[in-house]
Amino acid sequence: MITISPNEVATPELHGYLLGAVGPRPIAFASTVDAEGRPNLSPFSFFNVFSANPPVMIFSPARRVRNNTTKHTLENILKTKEVVINIVNYDMVQQMSLSSTEYPEGENEFVKAGLTMLPSEIVKPFRVGESPVQFECRVTKVEALGYEGGAGNLIFSEVVKIHIHKSILDENGSIDQHKIDQVARMGGNWYSRANKGMFEVPKPLSTLGIGIDAIPERIRHSKLLTGNDLGKLGNVEELPATEEVAAFVEEKKELKEIIRAGDEERRFRMAQEYLNNNDMLSAWKVLLANN
């Protein structure tokens, strides 16, 4: 066994130990707007529910370790005192992950991640239409836990309206824990699926993904590709060059046959197989061949 004194290790190392040991952690998919009404959407795994009367949830956007800056979510909340906390299920986890990319201020993560903006009834921030449960909240207090990189900011969020998809309810009107199919954060790139187990979703933080809004319409509106498929396609820094696509086609006899036959369903199925193996570039080459 090793023994660690927090003040004797670097913050990134300590951060890794904390997140690797404390999990699975529920995810607050927080929707806010800035002073000009521009939407922002970002996930946070320092989150839980702490009271039912009054109904209060707390999540914590930490100061960035690398440069001690604060996140747009915190900055927006300090100005507007409102947030919508959306619950994340397995069907939207790739899109949620894509939204965590550090896009420039003012960029709409709903659009980049291909998620539906629903107007709230009481607060100004939008709800995520794909989320199984959405909590409209007024922020009653923000408590800073420190002012150096890695310090959290507790956001006390009082629930003023709850929206629940009927599809996740059981015959008694309660939330069915199998149907809600929640996911939670583990350490590193790992997640946990409540009714299945762990799976890996690479974090899109080192580069800017092109976003689902940059995917050609014929691909984006495919009835075969799921939201998770689109989330993976949107999480590439750039599309493969024409020469790369041509070389790929030359090596794939089945793909040549698909192109000759004009069989778009087989093309999408082939791309989906690559996506299931997390080979996003090959999937793009299949989709872009001769187009």
C-alpha atoms as a PDB file:
ATOM      1  CA  MET A   1       0.000   0.000   0.000  1.00  0.00           C
ATOM      2  CA  ILE A   2       1.177   3.534  -0.751  1.00  0.00           C
ATOM      3  CA  THR A   3       0.330   6.473   1.491  1.00  0.00           C
ATOM      4  CA  ILE A   4      -0.107   9.960   0.056  1.00  0.00           C
ATOM      5  CA  SER A   5      -0.218  13.384   1.685  1.00  0.00           C
ATOM      6  CA  PRO A   6      -2.272  15.658  -0.627  1.00  0.00           C
ATOM      7  CA  ASN A   7       0.076  18.611  -0.121  1.00  0.00           C
ATOM      8  CA  GLU A   8       3.076  16.552  -1.204  1.00  0.00           C
ATOM      9  CA  VAL A   9       1.916  15.542  -4.718  1.00  0.00           C
ATOM     10  CA  ALA A  10       1.176  17.625  -7.809  1.00  0.00           C
ATOM     11  CA  THR A  11      -2.468  18.571  -8.328  1.00  0.00           C
ATOM     12  CA  PRO A  12      -2.879  16.576 -11.598  1.00  0.00           C
ATOM     13  CA  GLU A  13      -1.603  13.429  -9.843  1.00  0.00           C
ATOM     14  CA  LEU A  14      -3.897  13.979  -6.857  1.00  0.00           C
ATOM     15  CA  HIS A  15      -6.797  14.666  -9.239  1.00  0.00           C
ATOM     16  CA  GLY A  16      -6.160  11.317 -10.927  1.00  0.00           C
ATOM     17  CA  TYR A  17      -6.184   9.413  -7.647  1.00  0.00           C
ATOM     18  CA  LEU A  18      -9.417  11.088  -6.523  1.00  0.00           C
ATOM     19  CA  LEU A  19     -11.284  10.421  -9.758  1.00  0.00           C
ATOM     20  CA  GLY A  20      -9.898   6.905 -10.073  1.00  0.00           C
ATOM     21  CA  ALA A  21     -11.022   5.989  -6.568  1.00  0.00           C
ATOM     22  CA  VAL A  22     -14.350   7.805  -6.239  1.00  0.00           C
ATOM     23  CA  GLY A  23     -16.817   6.398  -8.731  1.00  0.00           C
ATOM     24  CA  PRO A  24     -19.028   5.783 -10.472  1.00  0.00           C
ATOM     25  CA  ARG A  25     -20.035   9.433 -10.290  1.00  0.00           C
ATOM     26  CA  PRO A  26     -23.377  10.692 -11.682  1.00  0.00           C
ATOM     27  CA  ILE A  27     -23.184  13.330 -14.406  1.00  0.00           C
ATOM     28  CA  ALA A  28     -24.790  16.763 -14.289  1.00  0.00           C
ATOM     29  CA  PHE A  29     -25.246  17.773 -17.922  1.00  0.00           C
ATOM     30  CA  ALA A  30     -25.522  21.482 -17.155  1.00  0.00           C
ATOM     31  CA  SER A  31     -27.245  23.888 -19.538  1.00  0.00           C
ATOM     32  CA  THR A  32     -26.759  27.626 -18.976  1.00  0.00           C
ATOM     33  CA  VAL A  33     -26.993  30.878 -20.906  1.00  0.00           C
ATOM     34  CA  ASP A  34     -24.670  33.852 -20.717  1.00  0.00           C
ATOM     35  CA  ALA A  35     -25.728  37.459 -20.105  1.00  0.00           C
ATOM     36  CA  GLU A  36     -26.543  37.794 -23.819  1.00  0.00           C
ATOM     37  CA  GLY A  37     -28.713  34.673 -23.828  1.00  0.00           C
ATOM     38  CA  ARG A  38     -26.234  32.450 -25.711  1.00  0.00           C
ATOM     39  CA  PRO A  39     -26.558  28.739 -24.753  1.00  0.00           C
ATOM     40  CA  ASN A  40     -23.794  26.694 -23.175  1.00  0.00           C
ATOM     41  CA  LEU A  41     -23.827  22.985 -22.380  1.00  0.00           C
ATOM     42  CA  SER A  42     -21.228  21.010 -20.423  1.00  0.00           C
ATOM     43  CA  PRO A  43     -21.047  17.833 -18.266  1.00  0.00           C
ATOM     44  CA  PHE A  44     -19.757  17.687 -14.676  1.00  0.00           C
ATOM     45  CA  SER A  45     -19.205  14.553 -12.587  1.00  0.00           C
ATOM     46  CA  PHE A  46     -18.705  16.292  -9.241  1.00  0.00           C
ATOM     47  CA  PHE A  47     -22.479  16.063  -8.738  1.00  0.00           C
ATOM     48  CA  ASN A  48     -25.282  14.636  -6.626  1.00  0.00           C
ATOM     49  CA  VAL A  49     -28.666  15.356  -5.021  1.00  0.00           C
ATOM     50  CA  PHE A  50     -28.476  16.542  -1.420  1.00  0.00           C
ATOM     51  CA  SER A  51     -31.993  17.438  -0.320  1.00  0.00           C
ATOM     52  CA  ALA A  52     -35.640  16.693  -1.155  1.00  0.00           C
ATOM     53  CA  ASN A  53     -37.278  19.447   0.887  1.00  0.00           C
ATOM     54  CA  PRO A  54     -36.264  21.801  -0.566  1.00  0.00           C
ATOM     55  CA  PRO A  55     -35.101  19.785  -3.605  1.00  0.00           C
ATOM     56  CA  VAL A  56     -31.437  20.752  -3.999  1.00  0.00           C
ATOM     57  CA  MET A  57     -28.718  19.400  -6.269  1.00  0.00           C
ATOM     58  CA  ILE A  58     -25.076  20.450  -6.096  1.00  0.00           C
ATOM     59  CA  PHE A  59     -22.466  20.196  -8.813  1.00  0.00           C
ATOM     60  CA  SER A  60     -18.991  21.644  -8.968  1.00  0.00           C
ATOM     61  CA  PRO A  61     -17.161  23.088 -11.982  1.00  0.00           C
ATOM     62  CA  ALA A  62     -13.519  23.029 -10.911  1.00  0.00           C
ATOM     63  CA  ARG A  63     -10.938  25.615 -11.916  1.00  0.00           C
ATOM     64  CA  ARG A  64      -8.735  24.239 -14.692  1.00  0.00           C
ATOM     65  CA  VAL A  65      -5.571  22.694 -13.292  1.00  0.00           C
ATOM     66  CA  ARG A  66      -3.355  23.665 -16.228  1.00  0.00           C
ATOM     67  CA  ASN A  67      -3.998  27.435 -16.176  1.00  0.00           C
ATOM     68  CA  ASN A  68      -6.326  28.187 -13.233  1.00  0.00           C
ATOM     69  CA  THR A  69      -9.103  29.541 -15.466  1.00  0.00           C
ATOM     70  CA  THR A  70     -12.827  29.071 -14.827  1.00  0.00           C
ATOM     71  CA  LYS A  71     -15.365  27.376 -17.081  1.00  0.00           C
ATOM     72  CA  HIS A  72     -18.123  29.110 -19.036  1.00  0.00           C
ATOM     73  CA  THR A  73     -20.777  27.268 -16.999  1.00  0.00           C
ATOM     74  CA  LEU A  74     -19.572  28.846 -13.762  1.00  0.00           C
ATOM     75  CA  GLU A  75     -19.200  32.278 -15.338  1.00  0.00           C
ATOM     76  CA  ASN A  76     -22.740  32.106 -16.763  1.00  0.00           C
ATOM     77  CA  ILE A  77     -24.268  30.973 -13.471  1.00  0.00           C
ATOM     78  CA  LEU A  78     -22.612  33.793 -11.516  1.00  0.00           C
ATOM     79  CA  LYS A  79     -24.361  36.218 -13.874  1.00  0.00           C
ATOM     80  CA  THR A  80     -27.763  34.573 -14.360  1.00  0.00           C
ATOM     81  CA  LYS A  81     -28.281  32.333 -11.265  1.00  0.00           C
ATOM     82  CA  GLU A  82     -30.078  29.698 -13.374  1.00  0.00           C
ATOM     83  CA  VAL A  83     -29.233  26.222 -14.721  1.00  0.00           C
ATOM     84  CA  VAL A  84     -30.907  23.137 -16.163  1.00  0.00           C
ATOM     85  CA  ILE A  85     -29.404  19.845 -14.983  1.00  0.00           C
ATOM     86  CA  ASN A  86     -30.031  17.101 -17.544  1.00  0.00           C
ATOM     87  CA  ILE A  87     -29.545  13.415 -16.743  1.00  0.00           C
ATOM     88  CA  VAL A  88     -27.327  11.447 -19.140  1.00  0.00           C
ATOM     89  CA  ASN A  89     -28.282   7.984 -20.407  1.00  0.00           C
ATOM     90  CA  TYR A  90     -26.369   5.559 -22.601  1.00  0.00           C
ATOM     91  CA  ASP A  91     -28.092   6.617 -25.848  1.00  0.00           C
ATOM     92  CA  MET A  92     -26.572  10.117 -25.645  1.00  0.00           C
ATOM     93  CA  VAL A  93     -23.216   9.483 -23.938  1.00  0.00           C
ATOM     94  CA  GLN A  94     -21.092  10.061 -27.050  1.00  0.00           C
ATOM     95  CA  GLN A  95     -22.857  13.363 -27.759  1.00  0.00           C
ATOM     96  CA  MET A  96     -22.430  14.378 -24.123  1.00  0.00           C
ATOM     97  CA  SER A  97     -18.721  13.610 -24.359  1.00  0.00           C
ATOM     98  CA  LEU A  98     -18.400  15.647 -27.555  1.00  0.00           C
ATOM     99  CA  SER A  99     -19.999  18.642 -25.841  1.00  0.00           C
ATOM    100  CA  SER A 100     -17.193  18.618 -23.236  1.00  0.00           C
ATOM    101  CA  THR A 101     -14.779  19.839 -25.906  1.00  0.00           C
ATOM    102  CA  GLU A 102     -13.522  23.291 -24.943  1.00  0.00           C
ATOM    103  CA  TYR A 103     -15.101  25.220 -27.787  1.00  0.00           C
ATOM    104  CA  PRO A 104     -14.626  29.025 -27.839  1.00  0.00           C
ATOM    105  CA  GLU A 105     -16.915  31.229 -25.762  1.00  0.00           C
ATOM    106  CA  GLY A 106     -20.260  31.740 -27.479  1.00  0.00           C
ATOM    107  CA  GLU A 107     -20.112  28.446 -29.429  1.00  0.00           C
ATOM    108  CA  ASN A 108     -23.349  26.508 -29.028  1.00  0.00           C
ATOM    109  CA  GLU A 109     -22.543  23.000 -27.743  1.00  0.00           C
ATOM    110  CA  PHE A 110     -26.143  21.914 -28.443  1.00  0.00           C
ATOM    111  CA  VAL A 111     -25.414  22.444 -32.137  1.00  0.00           C
ATOM    112  CA  LYS A 112     -21.892  20.992 -32.056  1.00  0.00           C
ATOM    113  CA  ALA A 113     -23.139  17.840 -30.308  1.00  0.00           C
ATOM    114  CA  GLY A 114     -26.350  17.538 -32.350  1.00  0.00           C
ATOM    115  CA  LEU A 115     -28.638  17.762 -29.319  1.00  0.00           C
ATOM    116  CA  THR A 116     -32.171  19.178 -29.220  1.00  0.00           C
ATOM    117  CA  MET A 117     -32.754  22.535 -27.508  1.00  0.00           C
ATOM    118  CA  LEU A 118     -36.078  22.592 -25.662  1.00  0.00           C
ATOM    119  CA  PRO A 119     -37.308  25.819 -24.020  1.00  0.00           C
ATOM    120  CA  SER A 120     -37.700  25.625 -20.254  1.00  0.00           C
ATOM    121  CA  GLU A 121     -40.897  26.710 -18.512  1.00  0.00           C
ATOM    122  CA  ILE A 122     -39.442  28.744 -15.644  1.00  0.00           C
ATOM    123  CA  VAL A 123     -35.732  29.389 -16.236  1.00  0.00           C
ATOM    124  CA  LYS A 124     -33.943  30.738 -19.317  1.00  0.00           C
ATOM    125  CA  PRO A 125     -31.426  27.917 -20.054  1.00  0.00           C
ATOM    126  CA  PHE A 126     -32.610  25.289 -22.527  1.00  0.00           C
ATOM    127  CA  ARG A 127     -33.299  21.648 -21.751  1.00  0.00           C
ATOM    128  CA  VAL A 128     -31.667  18.730 -23.592  1.00  0.00           C
ATOM    129  CA  GLY A 129     -34.503  17.007 -25.435  1.00  0.00           C
ATOM    130  CA  GLU A 130     -32.710  13.648 -25.497  1.00  0.00           C
ATOM    131  CA  SER A 131     -32.207  13.582 -21.718  1.00  0.00           C
ATOM    132  CA  PRO A 132     -34.621  11.220 -19.882  1.00  0.00           C
ATOM    133  CA  VAL A 133     -34.995  13.628 -16.934  1.00  0.00           C
ATOM    134  CA  GLN A 134     -34.450  17.401 -16.939  1.00  0.00           C
ATOM    135  CA  PHE A 135     -34.345  19.604 -13.835  1.00  0.00           C
ATOM    136  CA  GLU A 136     -34.954  23.345 -14.137  1.00  0.00           C
ATOM    137  CA  CYS A 137     -33.082  25.004 -11.273  1.00  0.00           C
ATOM    138  CA  ARG A 138     -32.523  28.363  -9.647  1.00  0.00           C
ATOM    139  CA  VAL A 139     -29.075  28.777  -8.125  1.00  0.00           C
ATOM    140  CA  THR A 140     -29.283  29.794  -4.467  1.00  0.00           C
ATOM    141  CA  LYS A 141     -25.575  29.872  -3.645  1.00  0.00           C
ATOM    142  CA  VAL A 142     -22.142  29.428  -5.216  1.00  0.00           C
ATOM    143  CA  GLU A 143     -19.390  28.490  -2.797  1.00  0.00           C
ATOM    144  CA  ALA A 144     -15.771  28.611  -3.941  1.00  0.00           C
ATOM    145  CA  LEU A 145     -13.595  25.946  -2.302  1.00  0.00           C
ATOM    146  CA  GLY A 146     -10.353  27.659  -3.293  1.00  0.00           C
ATOM    147  CA  TYR A 147      -8.807  29.916  -5.903  1.00  0.00           C
ATOM    148  CA  GLU A 148      -5.994  27.784  -7.340  1.00  0.00           C
ATOM    149  CA  GLY A 149      -6.109  25.308 -10.229  1.00  0.00           C
ATOM    150  CA  GLY A 150      -8.253  22.294  -9.338  1.00  0.00           C
ATOM    151  CA  ALA A 151     -10.402  24.121  -6.760  1.00  0.00           C
ATOM    152  CA  GLY A 152     -14.114  23.357  -6.963  1.00  0.00           C
ATOM    153  CA  ASN A 153     -17.074  25.732  -6.923  1.00  0.00           C
ATOM    154  CA  LEU A 154     -20.179  24.277  -5.285  1.00  0.00           C
ATOM    155  CA  ILE A 155     -23.294  25.363  -7.169  1.00  0.00           C
ATOM    156  CA  PHE A 156     -26.401  24.928  -4.995  1.00  0.00           C
ATOM    157  CA  SER A 157     -29.235  24.353  -7.473  1.00  0.00           C
ATOM    158  CA  GLU A 158     -32.829  24.350  -6.202  1.00  0.00           C
ATOM    159  CA  VAL A 159     -35.172  22.388  -8.471  1.00  0.00           C
ATOM    160  CA  VAL A 160     -38.208  24.399  -9.571  1.00  0.00           C
ATOM    161  CA  LYS A 161     -39.537  22.126 -12.346  1.00  0.00           C
ATOM    162  CA  ILE A 162     -38.908  18.495 -13.374  1.00  0.00           C
ATOM    163  CA  HIS A 163     -39.508  16.985 -16.833  1.00  0.00           C
ATOM    164  CA  ILE A 164     -39.542  13.171 -17.210  1.00  0.00           C
ATOM    165  CA  HIS A 165     -39.902  11.141 -20.403  1.00  0.00           C
ATOM    166  CA  LYS A 166     -42.841   8.736 -20.034  1.00  0.00           C
ATOM    167  CA  SER A 167     -40.817   6.008 -21.759  1.00  0.00           C
ATOM    168  CA  ILE A 168     -38.684   5.484 -18.625  1.00  0.00           C
ATOM    169  CA  LEU A 169     -41.618   5.040 -16.228  1.00  0.00           C
ATOM    170  CA  ASP A 170     -42.886   1.708 -14.929  1.00  0.00           C
ATOM    171  CA  GLU A 171     -46.537   0.654 -14.540  1.00  0.00           C
ATOM    172  CA  ASN A 172     -46.732   2.532 -11.212  1.00  0.00           C
ATOM    173  CA  GLY A 173     -45.448   5.802 -12.656  1.00  0.00           C
ATOM    174  CA  SER A 174     -42.035   5.471 -10.976  1.00  0.00           C
ATOM    175  CA  ILE A 175     -38.733   5.769 -12.809  1.00  0.00           C
ATOM    176  CA  ASP A 176     -37.691   2.305 -13.987  1.00  0.00           C
ATOM    177  CA  GLN A 177     -33.999   1.866 -13.177  1.00  0.00           C
ATOM    178  CA  HIS A 178     -33.522  -0.420 -16.181  1.00  0.00           C
ATOM    179  CA  LYS A 179     -35.273   1.858 -18.657  1.00  0.00           C
ATOM    180  CA  ILE A 180     -33.498   5.063 -17.609  1.00  0.00           C
ATOM    181  CA  ASP A 181     -30.185   3.353 -18.530  1.00  0.00           C
ATOM    182  CA  GLN A 182     -27.946   5.904 -16.775  1.00  0.00           C
ATOM    183  CA  VAL A 183     -24.207   6.245 -17.219  1.00  0.00           C
ATOM    184  CA  ALA A 184     -21.645   7.515 -14.729  1.00  0.00           C
ATOM    185  CA  ARG A 185     -18.007   8.617 -14.769  1.00  0.00           C
ATOM    186  CA  MET A 186     -15.116   6.516 -13.589  1.00  0.00           C
ATOM    187  CA  GLY A 187     -11.406   7.421 -13.727  1.00  0.00           C
ATOM    188  CA  GLY A 188      -9.558   8.368 -16.920  1.00  0.00           C
ATOM    189  CA  ASN A 189     -11.633   7.665 -20.045  1.00  0.00           C
ATOM    190  CA  TRP A 190     -13.837   5.096 -18.331  1.00  0.00           C
ATOM    191  CA  TYR A 191     -17.586   5.205 -17.764  1.00  0.00           C
ATOM    192  CA  SER A 192     -20.017   2.839 -16.104  1.00  0.00           C
ATOM    193  CA  ARG A 193     -23.389   1.832 -17.541  1.00  0.00           C
ATOM    194  CA  ALA A 194     -25.706   1.241 -14.620  1.00  0.00           C
ATOM    195  CA  ASN A 195     -27.353  -1.884 -16.031  1.00  0.00           C
ATOM    196  CA  LYS A 196     -24.422  -3.269 -18.050  1.00  0.00           C
ATOM    197  CA  GLY A 197     -21.003  -2.370 -16.662  1.00  0.00           C
ATOM    198  CA  MET A 198     -17.985  -0.332 -17.761  1.00  0.00           C
ATOM    199  CA  PHE A 199     -17.125   0.966 -21.217  1.00  0.00           C
ATOM    200  CA  GLU A 200     -14.638   3.489 -22.578  1.00  0.00           C
ATOM    201  CA  VAL A 201     -15.344   6.869 -24.210  1.00  0.00           C
ATOM    202  CA  PRO A 202     -12.207   8.824 -25.187  1.00  0.00           C
ATOM    203  CA  LYS A 203     -12.421  12.427 -23.976  1.00  0.00           C
ATOM    204  CA  PRO A 204     -12.403  15.067 -26.767  1.00  0.00           C
ATOM    205  CA  LEU A 205     -10.201  17.571 -24.956  1.00  0.00           C
ATOM    206  CA  SER A 206      -6.844  17.558 -26.766  1.00  0.00           C
ATOM    207  CA  THR A 207      -8.293  18.803 -30.058  1.00  0.00           C
ATOM    208  CA  LEU A 208     -11.460  20.483 -31.326  1.00  0.00           C
ATOM    209  CA  GLY A 209     -13.827  18.000 -32.937  1.00  0.00           C
ATOM    210  CA  ILE A 210     -15.567  19.207 -36.100  1.00  0.00           C
ATOM    211  CA  GLY A 211     -18.961  18.773 -34.413  1.00  0.00           C
ATOM    212  CA  ILE A 212     -22.121  17.070 -35.636  1.00  0.00           C
ATOM    213  CA  ASP A 213     -23.226  20.306 -37.318  1.00  0.00           C
ATOM    214  CA  ALA A 214     -20.271  19.962 -39.727  1.00  0.00           C
ATOM    215  CA  ILE A 215     -21.333  16.482 -40.886  1.00  0.00           C
ATOM    216  CA  PRO A 216     -22.898  16.482 -44.403  1.00  0.00           C
ATOM    217  CA  GLU A 217     -26.712  16.388 -44.290  1.00  0.00           C
ATOM    218  CA  ARG A 218     -27.071  13.031 -46.079  1.00  0.00           C
ATOM    219  CA  ILE A 219     -24.981  11.469 -43.302  1.00  0.00           C
ATOM    220  CA  ARG A 220     -26.368  13.509 -40.408  1.00  0.00           C
ATOM    221  CA  HIS A 221     -29.966  12.665 -41.326  1.00  0.00           C
ATOM    222  CA  SER A 222     -29.351   8.969 -41.887  1.00  0.00           C
ATOM    223  CA  LYS A 223     -31.985   6.782 -40.254  1.00  0.00           C
ATOM    224  CA  LEU A 224     -29.359   4.092 -39.634  1.00  0.00           C
ATOM    225  CA  LEU A 225     -26.754   6.084 -37.720  1.00  0.00           C
ATOM    226  CA  THR A 226     -27.481   6.705 -34.034  1.00  0.00           C
ATOM    227  CA  GLY A 227     -26.725   9.781 -31.945  1.00  0.00           C
ATOM    228  CA  ASN A 228     -23.704   7.932 -30.564  1.00  0.00           C
ATOM    229  CA  ASP A 229     -22.515   7.219 -34.129  1.00  0.00           C
ATOM    230  CA  LEU A 230     -22.813  10.895 -35.025  1.00  0.00           C
ATOM    231  CA  GLY A 231     -21.052  11.866 -31.806  1.00  0.00           C
ATOM    232  CA  LYS A 232     -18.074   9.727 -32.815  1.00  0.00           C
ATOM    233  CA  LEU A 233     -18.046  11.128 -36.365  1.00  0.00           C
ATOM    234  CA  GLY A 234     -18.158  14.674 -34.986  1.00  0.00           C
ATOM    235  CA  ASN A 235     -15.214  14.012 -32.707  1.00  0.00           C
ATOM    236  CA  VAL A 236     -12.507  14.055 -35.401  1.00  0.00           C
ATOM    237  CA  GLU A 237     -10.245  17.044 -35.866  1.00  0.00           C
ATOM    238  CA  GLU A 238     -10.448  16.966 -39.671  1.00  0.00           C
ATOM    239  CA  LEU A 239     -11.822  14.784 -42.452  1.00  0.00           C
ATOM    240  CA  PRO A 240      -9.540  12.407 -44.381  1.00  0.00           C
ATOM    241  CA  ALA A 241      -8.089  13.832 -47.600  1.00  0.00           C
ATOM    242  CA  THR A 242      -9.443  12.777 -50.990  1.00  0.00           C
ATOM    243  CA  GLU A 243      -6.261  10.814 -51.719  1.00  0.00           C
ATOM    244  CA  GLU A 244      -6.596   8.903 -48.445  1.00  0.00           C
ATOM    245  CA  VAL A 245     -10.190   7.991 -49.264  1.00  0.00           C
ATOM    246  CA  ALA A 246      -9.256   6.820 -52.769  1.00  0.00           C
ATOM    247  CA  ALA A 247      -6.418   4.650 -51.445  1.00  0.00           C
ATOM    248  CA  PHE A 248      -8.754   3.153 -48.843  1.00  0.00           C
ATOM    249  CA  VAL A 249     -11.352   2.261 -51.512  1.00  0.00           C
ATOM    250  CA  GLU A 250      -8.693   0.540 -53.633  1.00  0.00           C
ATOM    251  CA  GLU A 251      -7.973  -1.822 -50.744  1.00  0.00           C
ATOM    252  CA  LYS A 252     -11.623  -2.667 -49.982  1.00  0.00           C
ATOM    253  CA  LYS A 253     -13.326  -4.955 -52.521  1.00  0.00           C
ATOM    254  CA  GLU A 254     -16.634  -4.938 -50.647  1.00  0.00           C
ATOM    255  CA  LEU A 255     -16.698  -1.137 -50.566  1.00  0.00           C
ATOM    256  CA  LYS A 256     -16.096  -1.008 -54.341  1.00  0.00           C
ATOM    257  CA  GLU A 257     -19.100  -3.295 -54.855  1.00  0.00           C
ATOM    258  CA  ILE A 258     -21.243  -1.135 -52.587  1.00  0.00           C
ATOM    259  CA  ILE A 259     -20.306   1.998 -54.524  1.00  0.00           C
ATOM    260  CA  ARG A 260     -21.011   0.341 -57.904  1.00  0.00           C
ATOM    261  CA  ALA A 261     -24.391  -0.865 -56.673  1.00  0.00           C
ATOM    262  CA  GLY A 262     -25.261   2.481 -55.085  1.00  0.00           C
ATOM    263  CA  ASP A 263     -26.289   0.606 -51.938  1.00  0.00           C
ATOM    264  CA  GLU A 264     -26.352   3.369 -49.301  1.00  0.00           C
ATOM    265  CA  GLU A 265     -27.769   1.117 -46.590  1.00  0.00           C
ATOM    266  CA  ARG A 266     -24.787  -1.272 -46.871  1.00  0.00           C
ATOM    267  CA  ARG A 267     -22.448   1.724 -46.915  1.00  0.00           C
ATOM    268  CA  PHE A 268     -23.892   3.041 -43.641  1.00  0.00           C
ATOM    269  CA  ARG A 269     -23.804  -0.440 -42.097  1.00  0.00           C
ATOM    270  CA  MET A 270     -20.138  -0.796 -43.013  1.00  0.00           C
ATOM    271  CA  ALA A 271     -19.341   2.618 -41.546  1.00  0.00           C
ATOM    272  CA  GLN A 272     -21.234   1.675 -38.397  1.00  0.00           C
ATOM    273  CA  GLU A 273     -19.078  -1.443 -37.972  1.00  0.00           C
ATOM    274  CA  TYR A 274     -15.963   0.722 -37.990  1.00  0.00           C
ATOM    275  CA  LEU A 275     -17.584   3.103 -35.498  1.00  0.00           C
ATOM    276  CA  ASN A 276     -18.402   0.199 -33.198  1.00  0.00           C
ATOM    277  CA  ASN A 277     -14.666  -0.563 -33.184  1.00  0.00           C
ATOM    278  CA  ASN A 278     -13.847   3.120 -32.553  1.00  0.00           C
ATOM    279  CA  ASP A 279     -12.183   3.446 -35.979  1.00  0.00           C
ATOM    280  CA  MET A 280     -13.657   6.822 -36.853  1.00  0.00           C
ATOM    281  CA  LEU A 281     -11.307   7.641 -39.744  1.00  0.00           C
ATOM    282  CA  SER A 282     -12.141   4.423 -41.607  1.00  0.00           C
ATOM    283  CA  ALA A 283     -15.839   5.109 -41.048  1.00  0.00           C
ATOM    284  CA  TRP A 284     -15.396   8.554 -42.595  1.00  0.00           C
ATOM    285  CA  LYS A 285     -13.548   7.064 -45.575  1.00  0.00           C
ATOM    286  CA  VAL A 286     -16.457   4.697 -46.191  1.00  0.00           C
ATOM    287  CA  LEU A 287     -18.967   7.535 -45.999  1.00  0.00           C
ATOM    288  CA  LEU A 288     -16.972   9.922 -48.194  1.00  0.00           C
ATOM    289  CA  ALA A 289     -15.987   7.437 -50.914  1.00  0.00           C
ATOM    290  CA  ASN A 290     -16.947   8.802 -54.367  1.00  0.00           C
ATOM    291  CA  ASN A 291     -18.889  11.697 -52.814  1.00  0.00           C
END
